């Protein structure tokens, strides 16, 4: 009888988790597609760095190498959320006692822009890097992360018709590359 009760509670918990994940995906999709405007990516980056200042303090210095970007059709608040997640993750990845470096580069071609956020933290093994976009996967200790930040970030970027990739080497660091189209297809355009 106890096993039956435990199984029912487990199934209910799994159903709740599934609902939470779907809600997060729907939230990212709805907000991104409903509010596309022409935005200056650099203004968003600098604003995000101001917000992240306390997280960066005593953990990492940020260097900017900003290209000459055009205005990008996007949901600025959603893109800034992705920036914040990647920058804070980079700072938090620094081992205790190491003051790190986060290098942010931007550039573009005629169709897309890209933003690279690189840290010199401990890096990740390939097996870990393969899982970091999975919902609820985290390398942080108990109570220090939900494991949703990178999953939601990738969903936001994909809803914008872009891509979020990771390249990591143990002992060297990690680079996240965001690629975004400059113009959204008309079908996805403004609401």
Protein backbone atom coordinates (compact mmCIF):
# COMPACT_ATOMS: atom_id res chain seq x y z
CA UNK A 1 0.00 0.00 0.00
CA UNK A 2 2.89 2.39 0.80
CA UNK A 3 4.48 1.68 -2.58
CA UNK A 4 1.20 2.48 -4.31
CA UNK A 5 1.00 5.82 -2.45
CA UNK A 6 4.63 6.65 -3.27
CA UNK A 7 4.09 5.84 -6.94
CA UNK A 8 1.03 8.12 -7.10
CA UNK A 9 2.97 10.96 -5.44
CA UNK A 10 5.87 10.44 -7.84
CA UNK A 11 3.58 10.53 -10.88
CA UNK A 12 1.90 13.70 -9.58
CA UNK A 13 5.33 15.31 -9.06
CA UNK A 14 6.42 14.39 -12.58
CA UNK A 15 3.22 15.86 -14.02
CA UNK A 16 3.90 19.12 -12.14
CA UNK A 17 7.48 19.25 -13.45
CA UNK A 18 6.25 18.67 -17.02
CA UNK A 19 3.72 21.50 -16.61
CA UNK A 20 6.39 23.88 -15.26
CA UNK A 21 8.71 23.16 -18.19
CA UNK A 22 5.93 23.65 -20.74
CA UNK A 23 4.87 26.90 -19.05
CA UNK A 24 8.44 28.19 -19.21
CA UNK A 25 8.74 27.28 -22.88
CA UNK A 26 5.38 28.90 -23.65
CA UNK A 27 6.38 32.00 -21.70
CA UNK A 28 9.61 32.39 -23.65
CA UNK A 29 7.88 31.76 -26.98
CA UNK A 30 4.93 34.08 -26.36
CA UNK A 31 6.91 37.01 -25.06
CA UNK A 32 9.60 36.78 -27.71
CA UNK A 33 7.26 36.67 -30.68
CA UNK A 34 4.78 39.26 -29.42
CA UNK A 35 7.18 42.12 -28.81
CA UNK A 36 9.76 42.29 -31.59
CA UNK A 37 11.21 45.77 -31.97
CA UNK A 38 14.38 47.14 -33.54
CA UNK A 39 16.86 47.18 -30.67
CA UNK A 40 20.48 48.13 -30.02
CA UNK A 41 22.11 44.95 -28.69
CA UNK A 42 24.97 46.96 -27.16
CA UNK A 43 22.61 49.05 -25.04
CA UNK A 44 21.08 45.82 -23.72
CA UNK A 45 24.50 44.34 -22.99
CA UNK A 46 25.66 47.42 -21.09
CA UNK A 47 22.40 47.60 -19.14
CA UNK A 48 22.72 43.93 -18.26
CA UNK A 49 26.28 44.46 -17.05
CA UNK A 50 25.03 47.22 -14.74
CA UNK A 51 22.41 44.84 -13.35
CA UNK A 52 25.00 42.08 -12.90
CA UNK A 53 27.56 44.35 -11.24
CA UNK A 54 27.03 42.84 -7.76
CA UNK A 55 27.34 39.30 -9.11
CA UNK A 56 30.55 40.23 -10.92
CA UNK A 57 32.14 42.16 -8.06
CA UNK A 58 35.04 40.22 -6.51
CA UNK A 59 34.52 37.38 -9.01
CA UNK A 60 35.36 38.55 -12.53
CA UNK A 61 36.32 41.48 -14.70
CA UNK A 62 34.49 42.05 -18.00
CA UNK A 63 36.23 43.10 -21.22
CA UNK A 64 34.14 44.27 -24.16
CA UNK A 65 35.12 44.00 -27.84
CA UNK A 66 32.07 45.42 -29.55
CA UNK A 67 31.64 45.39 -33.31
CA UNK A 68 29.53 47.79 -35.35
CA UNK A 69 26.11 46.15 -35.08
CA UNK A 70 22.89 47.18 -36.84
CA UNK A 71 19.59 47.40 -35.00
CA UNK A 72 18.22 43.88 -34.43
CA UNK A 73 14.54 42.90 -34.49
CA UNK A 74 14.02 41.11 -31.18
CA UNK A 75 12.38 41.17 -27.79
CA UNK A 76 15.04 43.21 -25.94
CA UNK A 77 13.99 42.14 -22.45
CA UNK A 78 14.17 38.48 -23.45
CA UNK A 79 17.61 38.87 -25.06
CA UNK A 80 18.83 40.78 -21.99
CA UNK A 81 17.59 37.90 -19.83
CA UNK A 82 19.82 35.55 -21.84
CA UNK A 83 22.80 37.91 -21.49
CA UNK A 84 22.26 38.14 -17.74
CA UNK A 85 22.09 34.38 -17.35
CA UNK A 86 25.26 33.76 -19.35
CA UNK A 87 27.26 36.55 -17.68
CA UNK A 88 26.24 35.57 -14.14
CA UNK A 89 26.90 31.89 -14.89
CA UNK A 90 30.38 32.84 -16.11
CA UNK A 91 31.12 34.75 -12.91
CA UNK A 92 29.71 31.99 -10.71
CA UNK A 93 31.81 29.38 -12.51
CA UNK A 94 35.00 30.94 -11.16
CA UNK A 95 36.57 28.77 -8.49
CA UNK A 96 36.89 30.27 -5.02
CA UNK A 97 40.00 32.42 -4.83
CA UNK A 98 40.22 33.01 -8.59
CA UNK A 99 39.36 36.43 -10.00
CA UNK A 100 38.18 35.62 -13.49
CA UNK A 101 37.88 37.30 -16.85
CA UNK A 102 34.72 37.41 -18.97
CA UNK A 103 35.29 38.58 -22.51
CA UNK A 104 32.26 39.69 -24.55
CA UNK A 105 32.61 40.08 -28.32
CA UNK A 106 30.02 41.14 -30.88
CA UNK A 107 30.12 41.13 -34.66
CA UNK A 108 27.84 40.68 -37.65
CA UNK A 109 27.42 39.98 -41.31
CA UNK A 110 24.59 41.14 -43.59
CA UNK A 111 22.01 38.70 -42.17
CA UNK A 112 22.90 38.04 -38.56
CA UNK A 113 24.68 39.25 -35.45
CA UNK A 114 26.57 37.16 -32.95
CA UNK A 115 27.52 37.69 -29.36
CA UNK A 116 30.22 35.60 -27.69
CA UNK A 117 30.50 35.45 -23.91
CA UNK A 118 33.74 33.74 -22.91
CA UNK A 119 35.03 33.02 -19.42
CA UNK A 120 38.32 31.64 -18.17
CA UNK A 121 36.69 29.46 -15.53
CA UNK A 122 37.29 25.74 -15.06
CA UNK A 123 35.53 24.71 -18.29
CA UNK A 124 33.37 21.63 -18.70
CA UNK A 125 33.99 18.07 -19.77
CA UNK A 126 32.23 17.12 -23.04
CA UNK A 127 29.73 14.91 -21.17
CA UNK A 128 28.67 17.89 -19.03
CA UNK A 129 28.59 20.35 -21.96
CA UNK A 130 26.21 18.00 -23.83
CA UNK A 131 23.66 18.25 -21.00
CA UNK A 132 23.78 21.90 -19.96
CA UNK A 133 20.75 22.91 -22.04
CA UNK A 134 18.60 20.10 -20.55
CA UNK A 135 15.92 21.37 -18.15
CA UNK A 136 16.91 20.96 -14.48
CA UNK A 137 20.52 19.97 -15.26
CA UNK A 138 22.90 21.99 -13.11
CA UNK A 139 26.54 21.83 -12.09
CA UNK A 140 25.87 24.10 -9.11
CA UNK A 141 25.52 22.76 -5.59
CA UNK A 142 22.18 22.04 -3.93
CA UNK A 143 20.06 25.16 -3.51
CA UNK A 144 22.29 27.26 -5.79
CA UNK A 145 20.59 26.82 -9.14
CA UNK A 146 17.45 25.41 -10.71
CA UNK A 147 19.03 24.11 -13.89
CA UNK A 148 16.52 26.10 -15.95
CA UNK A 149 18.54 29.17 -16.97
CA UNK A 150 20.34 27.70 -19.96
CA UNK A 151 17.31 25.71 -21.11
CA UNK A 152 15.11 28.82 -21.10
CA UNK A 153 17.92 30.89 -22.68
CA UNK A 154 18.28 28.48 -25.59
CA UNK A 155 14.49 28.44 -26.04
CA UNK A 156 14.40 32.25 -26.18
CA UNK A 157 17.17 32.39 -28.77
CA UNK A 158 15.57 29.65 -30.89
CA UNK A 159 12.23 31.47 -30.80
CA UNK A 160 14.08 34.45 -32.27
CA UNK A 161 15.27 32.24 -35.14
CA UNK A 162 18.78 32.15 -33.69
CA UNK A 163 21.10 29.67 -32.07
CA UNK A 164 22.89 29.31 -28.72
CA UNK A 165 25.99 27.13 -28.75
CA UNK A 166 28.64 26.26 -26.21
CA UNK A 167 32.33 25.46 -26.60
CA UNK A 168 34.19 24.46 -23.47
CA UNK A 169 37.60 23.07 -22.57
CA UNK A 170 38.43 21.79 -19.09
CA UNK A 171 41.06 24.02 -17.49
CA UNK A 172 40.69 26.73 -20.16
CA UNK A 173 37.13 28.07 -19.99
CA UNK A 174 33.78 28.23 -21.72
CA UNK A 175 32.41 30.28 -24.61
CA UNK A 176 28.72 30.72 -25.35
CA UNK A 177 27.87 32.01 -28.82
CA UNK A 178 24.49 33.60 -29.51
CA UNK A 179 23.55 34.05 -33.17
CA UNK A 180 20.49 36.17 -34.03
CA UNK A 181 18.96 37.20 -37.34
CA UNK A 182 18.96 40.97 -37.92
CA UNK A 183 15.43 40.89 -39.35
CA UNK A 184 12.64 38.56 -38.29
CA UNK A 185 10.64 36.78 -41.00
CA UNK A 186 7.32 38.54 -41.69
CA UNK A 187 5.35 35.57 -40.35
CA UNK A 188 7.01 36.09 -36.96
CA UNK A 189 6.96 39.90 -37.13
CA UNK A 190 5.36 42.44 -34.89
CA UNK A 191 2.09 41.78 -33.13
